[in-house]
Amino acid sequence: MSDPRLAPAPAPSIVEMDGRLAELEAQRAMAQNRCIVLAGRNAELLDLLKLQRAENDRLTQLMNDRDGSDPDSPIAPAAAA
């Protein structure tokens, strides 16, 4: 009297395995496309961050180089970023 729940599952057919493989390949393709989109967004954000830092540096330098001020007391810290 063996328990039918312990019986081995039937082996999947070639058609079932092929279908599952196609599903996995489709999932992989979608994941790769998503990674490409995210990489593009990250690159865009990094470019914007570099532009913002350059603008911060430019404005900091402009504030520190103003005329008629005490050169020993800059308005903004030199390493503001």
PDB file of N, CA and C in Angstrom:
ATOM      1  N   MET A   1       0.833  -1.179   0.000  1.00  0.00           N
ATOM      2  CA  MET A   1       0.000   0.000   0.000  1.00  0.00           C
ATOM      3  C   MET A   1       0.880   1.246   0.000  1.00  0.00           C
ATOM      4  N   SER A   2       1.333   1.599  -1.144  1.00  0.00           N
ATOM      5  CA  SER A   2       2.144   2.813  -1.207  1.00  0.00           C
ATOM      6  C   SER A   2       1.235   4.019  -1.409  1.00  0.00           C
ATOM      7  N   ASP A   3       1.692   5.110  -0.903  1.00  0.00           N
ATOM      8  CA  ASP A   3       0.931   6.358  -0.975  1.00  0.00           C
ATOM      9  C   ASP A   3       1.036   6.916  -2.401  1.00  0.00           C
ATOM     10  N   PRO A   4      -0.083   7.191  -3.076  1.00  0.00           N
ATOM     11  CA  PRO A   4      -0.015   7.700  -4.455  1.00  0.00           C
ATOM     12  C   PRO A   4       0.605   9.093  -4.531  1.00  0.00           C
ATOM     13  N   ARG A   5       0.619   9.826  -3.423  1.00  0.00           N
ATOM     14  CA  ARG A   5       1.241  11.155  -3.428  1.00  0.00           C
ATOM     15  C   ARG A   5       2.755  11.065  -3.533  1.00  0.00           C
ATOM     16  N   LEU A   6       3.324   9.910  -3.183  1.00  0.00           N
ATOM     17  CA  LEU A   6       4.769   9.732  -3.221  1.00  0.00           C
ATOM     18  C   LEU A   6       5.245   9.171  -4.555  1.00  0.00           C
ATOM     19  N   ALA A   7       4.330   8.859  -5.442  1.00  0.00           N
ATOM     20  CA  ALA A   7       4.709   8.314  -6.746  1.00  0.00           C
ATOM     21  C   ALA A   7       5.439   9.397  -7.542  1.00  0.00           C
ATOM     22  N   PRO A   8       6.422   9.008  -8.332  1.00  0.00           N
ATOM     23  CA  PRO A   8       7.148  10.008  -9.118  1.00  0.00           C
ATOM     24  C   PRO A   8       6.232  10.669 -10.145  1.00  0.00           C
ATOM     25  N   ALA A   9       6.482  11.924 -10.376  1.00  0.00           N
ATOM     26  CA  ALA A   9       5.691  12.664 -11.362  1.00  0.00           C
ATOM     27  C   ALA A   9       6.024  12.141 -12.751  1.00  0.00           C
ATOM     28  N   PRO A  10       5.049  12.157 -13.639  1.00  0.00           N
ATOM     29  CA  PRO A  10       5.342  11.692 -14.991  1.00  0.00           C
ATOM     30  C   PRO A  10       6.351  12.626 -15.664  1.00  0.00           C
ATOM     31  N   ALA A  11       7.218  12.049 -16.455  1.00  0.00           N
ATOM     32  CA  ALA A  11       8.229  12.844 -17.156  1.00  0.00           C
ATOM     33  C   ALA A  11       7.539  13.745 -18.179  1.00  0.00           C
ATOM     34  N   PRO A  12       7.978  14.987 -18.284  1.00  0.00           N
ATOM     35  CA  PRO A  12       7.360  15.882 -19.267  1.00  0.00           C
ATOM     36  C   PRO A  12       7.697  15.428 -20.687  1.00  0.00           C
ATOM     37  N   SER A  13       6.791  15.703 -21.578  1.00  0.00           N
ATOM     38  CA  SER A  13       7.019  15.317 -22.972  1.00  0.00           C
ATOM     39  C   SER A  13       7.973  16.310 -23.632  1.00  0.00           C
ATOM     40  N   ILE A  14       8.461  15.942 -24.788  1.00  0.00           N
ATOM     41  CA  ILE A  14       9.350  16.818 -25.546  1.00  0.00           C
ATOM     42  C   ILE A  14       8.641  18.137 -25.875  1.00  0.00           C
ATOM     43  N   VAL A  15       7.368  18.061 -26.220  1.00  0.00           N
ATOM     44  CA  VAL A  15       6.598  19.260 -26.555  1.00  0.00           C
ATOM     45  C   VAL A  15       6.482  20.168 -25.331  1.00  0.00           C
ATOM     46  N   GLU A  16       6.232  19.581 -24.154  1.00  0.00           N
ATOM     47  CA  GLU A  16       6.136  20.380 -22.926  1.00  0.00           C
ATOM     48  C   GLU A  16       7.477  21.038 -22.594  1.00  0.00           C
ATOM     49  N   MET A  17       8.564  20.273 -22.736  1.00  0.00           N
ATOM     50  CA  MET A  17       9.890  20.835 -22.462  1.00  0.00           C
ATOM     51  C   MET A  17      10.220  21.951 -23.449  1.00  0.00           C
ATOM     52  N   ASP A  18       9.851  21.752 -24.720  1.00  0.00           N
ATOM     53  CA  ASP A  18      10.105  22.772 -25.729  1.00  0.00           C
ATOM     54  C   ASP A  18       9.301  24.039 -25.423  1.00  0.00           C
ATOM     55  N   GLY A  19       8.056  23.868 -24.999  1.00  0.00           N
ATOM     56  CA  GLY A  19       7.222  25.014 -24.638  1.00  0.00           C
ATOM     57  C   GLY A  19       7.792  25.767 -23.454  1.00  0.00           C
ATOM     58  N   ARG A  20       8.254  25.019 -22.468  1.00  0.00           N
ATOM     59  CA  ARG A  20       8.838  25.663 -21.275  1.00  0.00           C
ATOM     60  C   ARG A  20      10.113  26.406 -21.644  1.00  0.00           C
ATOM     61  N   LEU A  21      10.920  25.808 -22.513  1.00  0.00           N
ATOM     62  CA  LEU A  21      12.145  26.460 -22.963  1.00  0.00           C
ATOM     63  C   LEU A  21      11.825  27.764 -23.694  1.00  0.00           C
ATOM     64  N   ALA A  22      10.795  27.753 -24.519  1.00  0.00           N
ATOM     65  CA  ALA A  22      10.382  28.970 -25.226  1.00  0.00           C
ATOM     66  C   ALA A  22       9.922  30.039 -24.233  1.00  0.00           C
ATOM     67  N   GLU A  23       9.198  29.635 -23.197  1.00  0.00           N
ATOM     68  CA  GLU A  23       8.766  30.583 -22.164  1.00  0.00           C
ATOM     69  C   GLU A  23       9.973  31.214 -21.470  1.00  0.00           C
ATOM     70  N   LEU A  24      10.945  30.386 -21.117  1.00  0.00           N
ATOM     71  CA  LEU A  24      12.136  30.893 -20.426  1.00  0.00           C
ATOM     72  C   LEU A  24      12.944  31.825 -21.326  1.00  0.00           C
ATOM     73  N   GLU A  25      13.044  31.494 -22.606  1.00  0.00           N
ATOM     74  CA  GLU A  25      13.766  32.365 -23.531  1.00  0.00           C
ATOM     75  C   GLU A  25      13.058  33.708 -23.685  1.00  0.00           C
ATOM     76  N   ALA A  26      11.734  33.693 -23.710  1.00  0.00           N
ATOM     77  CA  ALA A  26      10.969  34.941 -23.805  1.00  0.00           C
ATOM     78  C   ALA A  26      11.169  35.780 -22.543  1.00  0.00           C
ATOM     79  N   GLN A  27      11.170  35.134 -21.384  1.00  0.00           N
ATOM     80  CA  GLN A  27      11.397  35.856 -20.127  1.00  0.00           C
ATOM     81  C   GLN A  27      12.798  36.463 -20.102  1.00  0.00           C
ATOM     82  N   ARG A  28      13.777  35.701 -20.591  1.00  0.00           N
ATOM     83  CA  ARG A  28      15.150  36.204 -20.630  1.00  0.00           C
ATOM     84  C   ARG A  28      15.249  37.420 -21.556  1.00  0.00           C
ATOM     85  N   ALA A  29      14.613  37.344 -22.709  1.00  0.00           N
ATOM     86  CA  ALA A  29      14.642  38.463 -23.658  1.00  0.00           C
ATOM     87  C   ALA A  29      14.003  39.707 -23.046  1.00  0.00           C
ATOM     88  N   MET A  30      12.884  39.528 -22.342  1.00  0.00           N
ATOM     89  CA  MET A  30      12.238  40.673 -21.690  1.00  0.00           C
ATOM     90  C   MET A  30      13.139  41.256 -20.608  1.00  0.00           C
ATOM     91  N   ALA A  31      13.807  40.392 -19.842  1.00  0.00           N
ATOM     92  CA  ALA A  31      14.705  40.869 -18.787  1.00  0.00           C
ATOM     93  C   ALA A  31      15.896  41.617 -19.387  1.00  0.00           C
ATOM     94  N   GLN A  32      16.427  41.109 -20.497  1.00  0.00           N
ATOM     95  CA  GLN A  32      17.544  41.795 -21.144  1.00  0.00           C
ATOM     96  C   GLN A  32      17.113  43.163 -21.669  1.00  0.00           C
ATOM     97  N   ASN A  33      15.933  43.232 -22.249  1.00  0.00           N
ATOM     98  CA  ASN A  33      15.428  44.518 -22.733  1.00  0.00           C
ATOM     99  C   ASN A  33      15.233  45.494 -21.587  1.00  0.00           C
ATOM    100  N   ARG A  34      14.733  45.003 -20.473  1.00  0.00           N
ATOM    101  CA  ARG A  34      14.541  45.857 -19.292  1.00  0.00           C
ATOM    102  C   ARG A  34      15.889  46.370 -18.784  1.00  0.00           C
ATOM    103  N   CYS A  35      16.904  45.508 -18.795  1.00  0.00           N
ATOM    104  CA  CYS A  35      18.243  45.922 -18.369  1.00  0.00           C
ATOM    105  C   CYS A  35      18.798  47.002 -19.290  1.00  0.00           C
ATOM    106  N   ILE A  36      18.542  46.874 -20.592  1.00  0.00           N
ATOM    107  CA  ILE A  36      19.008  47.880 -21.544  1.00  0.00           C
ATOM    108  C   ILE A  36      18.344  49.223 -21.257  1.00  0.00           C
ATOM    109  N   VAL A  37      17.041  49.197 -21.005  1.00  0.00           N
ATOM    110  CA  VAL A  37      16.311  50.433 -20.693  1.00  0.00           C
ATOM    111  C   VAL A  37      16.858  51.063 -19.416  1.00  0.00           C
ATOM    112  N   LEU A  38      17.054  50.242 -18.389  1.00  0.00           N
ATOM    113  CA  LEU A  38      17.561  50.772 -17.115  1.00  0.00           C
ATOM    114  C   LEU A  38      18.978  51.310 -17.260  1.00  0.00           C
ATOM    115  N   ALA A  39      19.808  50.639 -18.039  1.00  0.00           N
ATOM    116  CA  ALA A  39      21.172  51.126 -18.257  1.00  0.00           C
ATOM    117  C   ALA A  39      21.148  52.477 -18.958  1.00  0.00           C
ATOM    118  N   GLY A  40      20.248  52.632 -19.912  1.00  0.00           N
ATOM    119  CA  GLY A  40      20.121  53.918 -20.597  1.00  0.00           C
ATOM    120  C   GLY A  40      19.680  55.020 -19.652  1.00  0.00           C
ATOM    121  N   ARG A  41      18.728  54.707 -18.797  1.00  0.00           N
ATOM    122  CA  ARG A  41      18.263  55.706 -17.824  1.00  0.00           C
ATOM    123  C   ARG A  41      19.377  56.076 -16.856  1.00  0.00           C
ATOM    124  N   ASN A  42      20.124  55.068 -16.404  1.00  0.00           N
ATOM    125  CA  ASN A  42      21.226  55.350 -15.478  1.00  0.00           C
ATOM    126  C   ASN A  42      22.283  56.217 -16.145  1.00  0.00           C
ATOM    127  N   ALA A  43      22.592  55.938 -17.409  1.00  0.00           N
ATOM    128  CA  ALA A  43      23.578  56.749 -18.122  1.00  0.00           C
ATOM    129  C   ALA A  43      23.089  58.185 -18.252  1.00  0.00           C
ATOM    130  N   GLU A  44      21.812  58.354 -18.544  1.00  0.00           N
ATOM    131  CA  GLU A  44      21.247  59.700 -18.659  1.00  0.00           C
ATOM    132  C   GLU A  44      21.323  60.436 -17.319  1.00  0.00           C
ATOM    133  N   LEU A  45      20.992  59.742 -16.236  1.00  0.00           N
ATOM    134  CA  LEU A  45      21.060  60.368 -14.912  1.00  0.00           C
ATOM    135  C   LEU A  45      22.492  60.743 -14.544  1.00  0.00           C
ATOM    136  N   LEU A  46      23.451  59.885 -14.886  1.00  0.00           N
ATOM    137  CA  LEU A  46      24.848  60.207 -14.599  1.00  0.00           C
ATOM    138  C   LEU A  46      25.305  61.428 -15.389  1.00  0.00           C
ATOM    139  N   ASP A  47      24.876  61.529 -16.645  1.00  0.00           N
ATOM    140  CA  ASP A  47      25.213  62.713 -17.440  1.00  0.00           C
ATOM    141  C   ASP A  47      24.629  63.977 -16.818  1.00  0.00           C
ATOM    142  N   LEU A  48      23.373  63.894 -16.380  1.00  0.00           N
ATOM    143  CA  LEU A  48      22.744  65.053 -15.745  1.00  0.00           C
ATOM    144  C   LEU A  48      23.448  65.422 -14.445  1.00  0.00           C
ATOM    145  N   LEU A  49      23.865  64.419 -13.693  1.00  0.00           N
ATOM    146  CA  LEU A  49      24.583  64.683 -12.449  1.00  0.00           C
ATOM    147  C   LEU A  49      25.912  65.376 -12.723  1.00  0.00           C
ATOM    148  N   LYS A  50      26.623  64.934 -13.758  1.00  0.00           N
ATOM    149  CA  LYS A  50      27.890  65.582 -14.116  1.00  0.00           C
ATOM    150  C   LYS A  50      27.662  67.037 -14.518  1.00  0.00           C
ATOM    151  N   LEU A  51      26.607  67.280 -15.282  1.00  0.00           N
ATOM    152  CA  LEU A  51      26.288  68.659 -15.669  1.00  0.00           C
ATOM    153  C   LEU A  51      25.959  69.514 -14.450  1.00  0.00           C
ATOM    154  N   GLN A  52      25.206  68.951 -13.516  1.00  0.00           N
ATOM    155  CA  GLN A  52      24.841  69.691 -12.307  1.00  0.00           C
ATOM    156  C   GLN A  52      26.067  70.005 -11.467  1.00  0.00           C
ATOM    157  N   ARG A  53      26.967  69.049 -11.339  1.00  0.00           N
ATOM    158  CA  ARG A  53      28.192  69.305 -10.568  1.00  0.00           C
ATOM    159  C   ARG A  53      29.041  70.382 -11.231  1.00  0.00           C
ATOM    160  N   ALA A  54      29.139  70.331 -12.551  1.00  0.00           N
ATOM    161  CA  ALA A  54      29.909  71.358 -13.263  1.00  0.00           C
ATOM    162  C   ALA A  54      29.279  72.733 -13.059  1.00  0.00           C
ATOM    163  N   GLU A  55      27.961  72.792 -13.105  1.00  0.00           N
ATOM    164  CA  GLU A  55      27.271  74.075 -12.884  1.00  0.00           C
ATOM    165  C   GLU A  55      27.478  74.556 -11.448  1.00  0.00           C
ATOM    166  N   ASN A  56      27.426  73.650 -10.475  1.00  0.00           N
ATOM    167  CA  ASN A  56      27.693  74.023  -9.076  1.00  0.00           C
ATOM    168  C   ASN A  56      29.103  74.581  -8.930  1.00  0.00           C
ATOM    169  N   ASP A  57      30.069  73.905  -9.552  1.00  0.00           N
ATOM    170  CA  ASP A  57      31.454  74.376  -9.478  1.00  0.00           C
ATOM    171  C   ASP A  57      31.599  75.751 -10.121  1.00  0.00           C
ATOM    172  N   ARG A  58      30.943  75.945 -11.267  1.00  0.00           N
ATOM    173  CA  ARG A  58      31.009  77.235 -11.961  1.00  0.00           C
ATOM    174  C   ARG A  58      30.420  78.352 -11.100  1.00  0.00           C
ATOM    175  N   LEU A  59      29.253  78.088 -10.513  1.00  0.00           N
ATOM    176  CA  LEU A  59      28.609  79.110  -9.686  1.00  0.00           C
ATOM    177  C   LEU A  59      29.394  79.376  -8.406  1.00  0.00           C
ATOM    178  N   THR A  60      29.959  78.336  -7.825  1.00  0.00           N
ATOM    179  CA  THR A  60      30.781  78.516  -6.624  1.00  0.00           C
ATOM    180  C   THR A  60      31.987  79.386  -6.945  1.00  0.00           C
ATOM    181  N   GLN A  61      32.632  79.095  -8.075  1.00  0.00           N
ATOM    182  CA  GLN A  61      33.788  79.892  -8.485  1.00  0.00           C
ATOM    183  C   GLN A  61      33.380  81.336  -8.757  1.00  0.00           C
ATOM    184  N   LEU A  62      32.247  81.524  -9.388  1.00  0.00           N
ATOM    185  CA  LEU A  62      31.748  82.871  -9.675  1.00  0.00           C
ATOM    186  C   LEU A  62      31.497  83.645  -8.382  1.00  0.00           C
ATOM    187  N   MET A  63      30.897  83.000  -7.407  1.00  0.00           N
ATOM    188  CA  MET A  63      30.627  83.664  -6.125  1.00  0.00           C
ATOM    189  C   MET A  63      31.919  83.976  -5.391  1.00  0.00           C
ATOM    190  N   ASN A  64      32.896  83.095  -5.470  1.00  0.00           N
ATOM    191  CA  ASN A  64      34.154  83.304  -4.756  1.00  0.00           C
ATOM    192  C   ASN A  64      35.041  84.340  -5.430  1.00  0.00           C
ATOM    193  N   ASP A  65      34.857  84.570  -6.715  1.00  0.00           N
ATOM    194  CA  ASP A  65      35.698  85.509  -7.455  1.00  0.00           C
ATOM    195  C   ASP A  65      35.091  86.902  -7.567  1.00  0.00           C
ATOM    196  N   ARG A  66      34.040  87.186  -6.855  1.00  0.00           N
ATOM    197  CA  ARG A  66      33.372  88.479  -6.990  1.00  0.00           C
ATOM    198  C   ARG A  66      34.300  89.612  -6.535  1.00  0.00           C
ATOM    199  N   ASP A  67      34.120  90.776  -7.114  1.00  0.00           N
ATOM    200  CA  ASP A  67      34.970  91.944  -6.795  1.00  0.00           C
ATOM    201  C   ASP A  67      34.480  92.646  -5.535  1.00  0.00           C
ATOM    202  N   GLY A  68      35.397  93.351  -4.866  1.00  0.00           N
ATOM    203  CA  GLY A  68      35.048  94.160  -3.713  1.00  0.00           C
ATOM    204  C   GLY A  68      34.792  93.372  -2.451  1.00  0.00           C
ATOM    205  N   SER A  69      35.262  92.155  -2.375  1.00  0.00           N
ATOM    206  CA  SER A  69      35.041  91.336  -1.184  1.00  0.00           C
ATOM    207  C   SER A  69      36.365  90.986  -0.544  1.00  0.00           C
ATOM    208  N   ASP A  70      36.276  90.583   0.677  1.00  0.00           N
ATOM    209  CA  ASP A  70      37.454  90.109   1.378  1.00  0.00           C
ATOM    210  C   ASP A  70      37.829  88.746   0.794  1.00  0.00           C
ATOM    211  N   PRO A  71      38.992  88.611   0.170  1.00  0.00           N
ATOM    212  CA  PRO A  71      39.344  87.332  -0.457  1.00  0.00           C
ATOM    213  C   PRO A  71      39.562  86.203   0.545  1.00  0.00           C
ATOM    214  N   ASP A  72      39.713  86.551   1.815  1.00  0.00           N
ATOM    215  CA  ASP A  72      39.931  85.506   2.816  1.00  0.00           C
ATOM    216  C   ASP A  72      38.639  84.884   3.320  1.00  0.00           C
ATOM    217  N   SER A  73      37.509  85.405   2.930  1.00  0.00           N
ATOM    218  CA  SER A  73      36.238  84.833   3.392  1.00  0.00           C
ATOM    219  C   SER A  73      35.311  84.579   2.193  1.00  0.00           C
ATOM    220  N   PRO A  74      35.466  83.456   1.534  1.00  0.00           N
ATOM    221  CA  PRO A  74      34.607  83.154   0.386  1.00  0.00           C
ATOM    222  C   PRO A  74      33.169  82.905   0.829  1.00  0.00           C
ATOM    223  N   ILE A  75      32.241  83.179  -0.065  1.00  0.00           N
ATOM    224  CA  ILE A  75      30.823  82.965   0.232  1.00  0.00           C
ATOM    225  C   ILE A  75      30.513  81.480   0.325  1.00  0.00           C
ATOM    226  N   ALA A  76      31.004  80.740  -0.638  1.00  0.00           N
ATOM    227  CA  ALA A  76      30.701  79.307  -0.694  1.00  0.00           C
ATOM    228  C   ALA A  76      31.981  78.511  -0.487  1.00  0.00           C
ATOM    229  N   PRO A  77      31.874  77.341   0.078  1.00  0.00           N
ATOM    230  CA  PRO A  77      33.069  76.504   0.237  1.00  0.00           C
ATOM    231  C   PRO A  77      33.624  76.109  -1.129  1.00  0.00           C
ATOM    232  N   ALA A  78      34.923  75.955  -1.208  1.00  0.00           N
ATOM    233  CA  ALA A  78      35.569  75.649  -2.486  1.00  0.00           C
ATOM    234  C   ALA A  78      35.155  74.292  -3.031  1.00  0.00           C
ATOM    235  N   ALA A  79      34.837  73.351  -2.183  1.00  0.00           N
ATOM    236  CA  ALA A  79      34.493  71.994  -2.628  1.00  0.00           C
ATOM    237  C   ALA A  79      32.995  71.741  -2.563  1.00  0.00           C
ATOM    238  N   ALA A  80      32.188  72.743  -2.805  1.00  0.00           N
ATOM    239  CA  ALA A  80      30.728  72.558  -2.766  1.00  0.00           C
ATOM    240  C   ALA A  80      30.314  71.708  -3.950  1.00  0.00           C
ATOM    241  N   ALA A  81      29.604  70.627  -3.656  1.00  0.00           N
ATOM    242  CA  ALA A  81      29.139  69.753  -4.744  1.00  0.00           C
ATOM    243  C   ALA A  81      27.908  69.018  -4.306  1.00  0.00           C
TER     244      ALA A  81
END
